[in-house]
N, C-alpha and C. Protein backbone atom coordinates (compact mmCIF):
# COMPACT_ATOMS: atom_id res chain seq x y z
N MET A 1 132.90 196.74 162.37
CA MET A 1 132.80 197.71 163.43
C MET A 1 133.49 199.00 162.99
N PHE A 2 132.83 200.11 163.25
CA PHE A 2 133.37 201.44 163.00
C PHE A 2 133.24 202.22 164.29
N GLU A 3 134.36 202.74 164.79
CA GLU A 3 134.34 203.41 166.09
C GLU A 3 135.11 204.72 166.04
N VAL A 4 134.55 205.73 166.69
CA VAL A 4 135.21 207.01 166.85
C VAL A 4 135.27 207.28 168.36
N THR A 5 136.48 207.48 168.88
CA THR A 5 136.60 207.74 170.31
C THR A 5 136.01 209.11 170.66
N ASP A 6 135.72 209.31 171.92
CA ASP A 6 135.16 210.58 172.37
C ASP A 6 136.09 211.75 172.04
N LYS A 7 137.39 211.57 172.24
CA LYS A 7 138.36 212.65 171.98
C LYS A 7 138.40 212.99 170.49
N ALA A 8 138.39 211.96 169.63
CA ALA A 8 138.39 212.19 168.18
C ALA A 8 137.10 212.89 167.76
N ALA A 9 135.97 212.47 168.32
CA ALA A 9 134.69 213.09 167.98
C ALA A 9 134.67 214.56 168.38
N GLU A 10 135.24 214.86 169.53
CA GLU A 10 135.33 216.25 170.00
C GLU A 10 136.16 217.09 169.02
N LYS A 11 137.29 216.58 168.57
CA LYS A 11 138.17 217.31 167.65
C LYS A 11 137.53 217.45 166.27
N VAL A 12 136.82 216.42 165.80
CA VAL A 12 136.12 216.50 164.53
C VAL A 12 135.03 217.57 164.61
N ASP A 13 134.28 217.59 165.71
CA ASP A 13 133.24 218.59 165.90
C ASP A 13 133.82 220.00 165.87
N GLU A 14 134.94 220.22 166.54
CA GLU A 14 135.61 221.52 166.52
C GLU A 14 136.02 221.90 165.09
N PHE A 15 136.56 220.94 164.35
CA PHE A 15 137.02 221.18 163.00
C PHE A 15 135.86 221.53 162.05
N LEU A 16 134.74 220.86 162.19
CA LEU A 16 133.61 221.06 161.28
C LEU A 16 132.77 222.28 161.61
N LYS A 17 132.88 222.77 162.83
CA LYS A 17 132.05 223.89 163.28
C LYS A 17 132.23 225.10 162.34
N GLY A 18 131.11 225.57 161.79
CA GLY A 18 131.13 226.76 160.94
C GLY A 18 131.56 226.51 159.51
N ARG A 19 131.88 225.29 159.14
CA ARG A 19 132.31 224.98 157.76
C ARG A 19 131.10 224.78 156.86
N ASP A 20 131.29 225.18 155.60
CA ASP A 20 130.28 224.91 154.58
C ASP A 20 130.49 223.50 154.06
N GLU A 21 129.69 223.13 153.08
CA GLU A 21 129.80 221.80 152.46
C GLU A 21 131.18 221.65 151.82
N PRO A 22 131.73 220.46 151.69
CA PRO A 22 131.20 219.21 152.21
C PRO A 22 131.52 219.06 153.69
N ARG A 23 130.63 218.41 154.40
CA ARG A 23 130.84 218.19 155.83
C ARG A 23 131.04 216.72 156.16
N SER A 24 131.15 215.90 155.13
CA SER A 24 131.43 214.48 155.35
C SER A 24 132.93 214.27 155.38
N ILE A 25 133.36 213.35 156.22
CA ILE A 25 134.78 213.05 156.35
C ILE A 25 135.05 211.72 155.67
N ARG A 26 135.87 211.78 154.62
CA ARG A 26 136.21 210.58 153.86
C ARG A 26 137.44 209.91 154.46
N ILE A 27 137.40 208.60 154.52
CA ILE A 27 138.56 207.80 154.90
C ILE A 27 139.17 207.26 153.62
N LEU A 28 140.43 207.58 153.39
CA LEU A 28 141.16 207.19 152.19
C LEU A 28 142.36 206.34 152.55
N VAL A 29 142.85 205.59 151.59
CA VAL A 29 144.08 204.84 151.78
C VAL A 29 145.17 205.50 150.94
N THR A 30 146.38 205.60 151.51
CA THR A 30 147.52 206.12 150.77
C THR A 30 148.56 205.01 150.64
N ASP A 31 149.44 205.18 149.70
CA ASP A 31 150.49 204.19 149.43
C ASP A 31 151.35 203.98 150.66
N GLY A 32 151.82 205.03 151.27
CA GLY A 32 152.59 204.93 152.50
C GLY A 32 154.08 204.67 152.33
N GLY A 33 154.54 204.43 151.10
CA GLY A 33 155.97 204.20 150.90
C GLY A 33 156.45 202.92 151.55
N TRP A 34 157.59 202.98 152.21
CA TRP A 34 158.22 201.79 152.79
C TRP A 34 157.38 201.12 153.87
N ARG A 35 156.52 201.89 154.54
CA ARG A 35 155.75 201.31 155.64
C ARG A 35 154.43 200.70 155.19
N GLY A 36 154.12 200.82 153.92
CA GLY A 36 152.89 200.24 153.40
C GLY A 36 151.72 201.19 153.51
N PRO A 37 150.53 200.72 153.12
CA PRO A 37 149.36 201.60 153.10
C PRO A 37 148.93 202.04 154.49
N TYR A 38 148.35 203.22 154.56
CA TYR A 38 147.72 203.67 155.80
C TYR A 38 146.53 204.55 155.47
N LEU A 39 145.68 204.75 156.44
CA LEU A 39 144.44 205.48 156.25
C LEU A 39 144.60 206.94 156.67
N VAL A 40 143.91 207.81 155.93
CA VAL A 40 143.92 209.25 156.21
C VAL A 40 142.49 209.78 156.12
N LEU A 41 142.29 211.00 156.61
CA LEU A 41 140.99 211.65 156.59
C LEU A 41 141.01 212.86 155.67
N ALA A 42 139.87 213.13 155.00
CA ALA A 42 139.74 214.31 154.14
C ALA A 42 138.26 214.68 154.07
N LEU A 43 137.97 215.94 153.80
CA LEU A 43 136.60 216.37 153.58
C LEU A 43 136.20 215.99 152.16
N ASP A 44 134.98 215.49 151.98
CA ASP A 44 134.54 215.08 150.66
C ASP A 44 133.03 214.90 150.67
N GLY A 45 132.47 214.80 149.48
CA GLY A 45 131.05 214.52 149.33
C GLY A 45 130.82 213.02 149.15
N GLN A 46 129.61 212.61 149.44
CA GLN A 46 129.25 211.20 149.37
C GLN A 46 129.03 210.76 147.93
N LYS A 47 129.44 209.49 147.63
CA LYS A 47 129.25 208.89 146.32
C LYS A 47 128.40 207.62 146.48
N GLU A 48 127.86 207.13 145.38
CA GLU A 48 127.03 205.92 145.42
C GLU A 48 127.80 204.71 145.92
N SER A 49 129.10 204.68 145.68
CA SER A 49 129.92 203.51 146.04
C SER A 49 130.42 203.56 147.49
N ASP A 50 129.89 204.48 148.29
CA ASP A 50 130.37 204.66 149.67
C ASP A 50 129.55 203.92 150.71
N GLN A 51 130.26 203.48 151.73
CA GLN A 51 129.65 203.02 152.98
C GLN A 51 129.59 204.27 153.87
N VAL A 52 128.48 204.52 154.51
CA VAL A 52 128.30 205.75 155.30
C VAL A 52 128.08 205.37 156.76
N PHE A 53 128.78 206.08 157.64
CA PHE A 53 128.64 205.90 159.08
C PHE A 53 128.36 207.26 159.71
N THR A 54 127.44 207.30 160.65
CA THR A 54 127.21 208.50 161.44
C THR A 54 127.59 208.15 162.86
N GLU A 55 128.62 208.82 163.35
CA GLU A 55 129.13 208.55 164.69
C GLU A 55 129.28 209.85 165.45
N LYS A 56 128.62 209.93 166.58
CA LYS A 56 128.76 211.06 167.50
C LYS A 56 128.60 212.41 166.79
N GLY A 57 127.60 212.47 165.90
CA GLY A 57 127.25 213.72 165.26
C GLY A 57 127.97 214.04 163.97
N ALA A 58 128.86 213.20 163.51
CA ALA A 58 129.58 213.45 162.26
C ALA A 58 129.35 212.30 161.28
N THR A 59 129.45 212.61 159.99
CA THR A 59 129.28 211.61 158.95
C THR A 59 130.63 211.25 158.37
N TYR A 60 130.91 209.96 158.34
CA TYR A 60 132.16 209.42 157.80
C TYR A 60 131.80 208.56 156.59
N ILE A 61 132.58 208.69 155.53
CA ILE A 61 132.33 207.93 154.31
C ILE A 61 133.60 207.20 153.90
N ILE A 62 133.42 206.02 153.33
CA ILE A 62 134.54 205.21 152.87
C ILE A 62 134.06 204.35 151.71
N ASP A 63 134.86 204.23 150.69
CA ASP A 63 134.51 203.37 149.57
C ASP A 63 134.22 201.96 150.09
N LYS A 64 133.15 201.34 149.61
CA LYS A 64 132.73 200.03 150.12
C LYS A 64 133.82 198.98 149.95
N GLY A 65 134.56 199.03 148.84
CA GLY A 65 135.65 198.08 148.63
C GLY A 65 136.76 198.25 149.65
N LEU A 66 137.12 199.51 149.95
CA LEU A 66 138.13 199.78 150.96
C LEU A 66 137.62 199.35 152.33
N TRP A 67 136.35 199.61 152.63
CA TRP A 67 135.78 199.22 153.91
C TRP A 67 135.92 197.71 154.12
N GLU A 68 135.64 196.93 153.09
CA GLU A 68 135.74 195.47 153.21
C GLU A 68 137.18 195.02 153.50
N ARG A 69 138.16 195.73 152.96
CA ARG A 69 139.57 195.38 153.20
C ARG A 69 140.07 195.90 154.54
N ALA A 70 139.53 197.02 155.01
CA ALA A 70 140.10 197.72 156.17
C ALA A 70 139.37 197.47 157.48
N LYS A 71 138.12 197.01 157.44
CA LYS A 71 137.34 196.91 158.68
C LYS A 71 137.95 195.91 159.64
N PRO A 72 137.80 196.12 160.91
CA PRO A 72 137.18 197.26 161.60
C PRO A 72 138.11 198.48 161.59
N ILE A 73 137.52 199.65 161.76
CA ILE A 73 138.28 200.90 161.81
C ILE A 73 137.95 201.62 163.10
N GLN A 74 139.01 202.13 163.75
CA GLN A 74 138.84 202.97 164.93
C GLN A 74 139.58 204.28 164.68
N ILE A 75 138.90 205.38 164.95
CA ILE A 75 139.52 206.71 164.82
C ILE A 75 139.70 207.26 166.23
N ASP A 76 140.93 207.67 166.52
CA ASP A 76 141.25 208.23 167.83
C ASP A 76 142.01 209.54 167.61
N TYR A 77 142.14 210.32 168.64
CA TYR A 77 142.93 211.55 168.61
C TYR A 77 143.87 211.51 169.81
N VAL A 78 145.16 211.71 169.54
CA VAL A 78 146.14 211.63 170.62
C VAL A 78 147.00 212.89 170.65
N LEU A 79 147.48 213.19 171.83
CA LEU A 79 148.43 214.28 172.05
C LEU A 79 149.75 213.67 172.50
N ASN A 80 150.86 214.19 171.95
CA ASN A 80 152.18 213.77 172.41
C ASN A 80 153.12 214.97 172.35
N ASP A 81 154.40 214.74 172.53
CA ASP A 81 155.38 215.84 172.55
C ASP A 81 155.44 216.61 171.24
N MET A 82 155.03 215.99 170.16
CA MET A 82 155.10 216.63 168.84
C MET A 82 153.79 217.30 168.46
N GLY A 83 152.78 217.24 169.33
CA GLY A 83 151.50 217.85 169.04
C GLY A 83 150.38 216.84 169.09
N GLY A 84 149.32 217.10 168.36
CA GLY A 84 148.17 216.21 168.35
C GLY A 84 147.83 215.77 166.95
N GLY A 85 147.11 214.66 166.87
CA GLY A 85 146.68 214.19 165.56
C GLY A 85 145.78 212.97 165.66
N TYR A 86 145.15 212.69 164.55
CA TYR A 86 144.25 211.54 164.46
C TYR A 86 145.05 210.28 164.18
N ILE A 87 144.62 209.20 164.80
CA ILE A 87 145.20 207.88 164.59
C ILE A 87 144.07 206.99 164.07
N LEU A 88 144.29 206.36 162.93
CA LEU A 88 143.31 205.44 162.38
C LEU A 88 143.85 204.03 162.48
N LYS A 89 143.16 203.19 163.23
CA LYS A 89 143.57 201.79 163.40
C LYS A 89 142.66 200.94 162.53
N SER A 90 143.28 199.94 161.87
CA SER A 90 142.53 199.13 160.93
C SER A 90 143.22 197.81 160.68
N ASP A 91 142.45 196.79 160.28
CA ASP A 91 143.04 195.52 159.88
C ASP A 91 143.85 195.63 158.60
N LEU A 92 143.65 196.69 157.84
CA LEU A 92 144.44 196.92 156.63
C LEU A 92 145.92 197.02 156.98
N LEU A 93 146.22 197.50 158.17
CA LEU A 93 147.60 197.75 158.58
C LEU A 93 148.25 196.55 159.26
N LYS A 94 147.50 195.56 159.69
CA LYS A 94 148.06 194.47 160.48
C LYS A 94 149.26 193.76 159.85
N PRO A 95 149.21 193.35 158.59
CA PRO A 95 150.36 192.62 158.03
C PRO A 95 151.65 193.43 158.08
N HIS A 96 151.54 194.74 157.89
CA HIS A 96 152.73 195.58 157.88
C HIS A 96 153.29 195.79 159.28
N ILE A 97 152.43 195.88 160.25
CA ILE A 97 152.89 196.07 161.63
C ILE A 97 153.60 194.81 162.12
N GLU A 98 153.03 193.65 161.81
CA GLU A 98 153.63 192.40 162.27
C GLU A 98 154.93 192.11 161.53
N ALA A 99 155.01 192.48 160.27
CA ALA A 99 156.18 192.16 159.45
C ALA A 99 157.34 193.12 159.71
N CYS A 100 157.06 194.32 160.14
CA CYS A 100 158.10 195.33 160.30
C CYS A 100 157.84 196.10 161.57
N LYS A 101 158.43 195.67 162.65
CA LYS A 101 158.15 196.27 163.95
C LYS A 101 158.93 197.55 164.21
N SER A 102 160.02 197.75 163.49
CA SER A 102 160.77 199.00 163.67
C SER A 102 161.47 199.35 162.37
N ILE A 103 161.90 200.57 162.28
CA ILE A 103 162.58 201.03 161.07
C ILE A 103 163.92 200.32 160.88
N GLN A 104 164.46 199.75 161.93
CA GLN A 104 165.77 199.09 161.83
C GLN A 104 165.66 197.67 161.29
N GLU A 105 164.45 197.09 161.30
CA GLU A 105 164.28 195.74 160.77
C GLU A 105 164.17 195.78 159.25
N SER A 106 164.49 194.70 158.62
CA SER A 106 164.32 194.57 157.19
C SER A 106 162.85 194.31 156.90
N CYS A 107 162.23 195.15 156.12
CA CYS A 107 160.80 195.01 155.83
C CYS A 107 160.58 194.24 154.54
């Protein structure tokens, strides 16, 4: 399952409006340091090794190997006291969340 919330889709549409190529949004994994890997978004072009999703008017791409490790993925956009940003939820993150619930615990 690949899901983009309405709020995230609205913000992606605003971001892409008037931009030249590339207009595909790549989902990448980063090392993440002490908290483990996490997913991020970047503009990029499509490759043969990509899984492609079109959701609410935008194209999202992710390496097929990463997709198999991370699925399902949900992209949301949230506002809080520090501003707004995208949140990517994935099964890739589950072991780290369960193993380390706060910065004060030993990870």
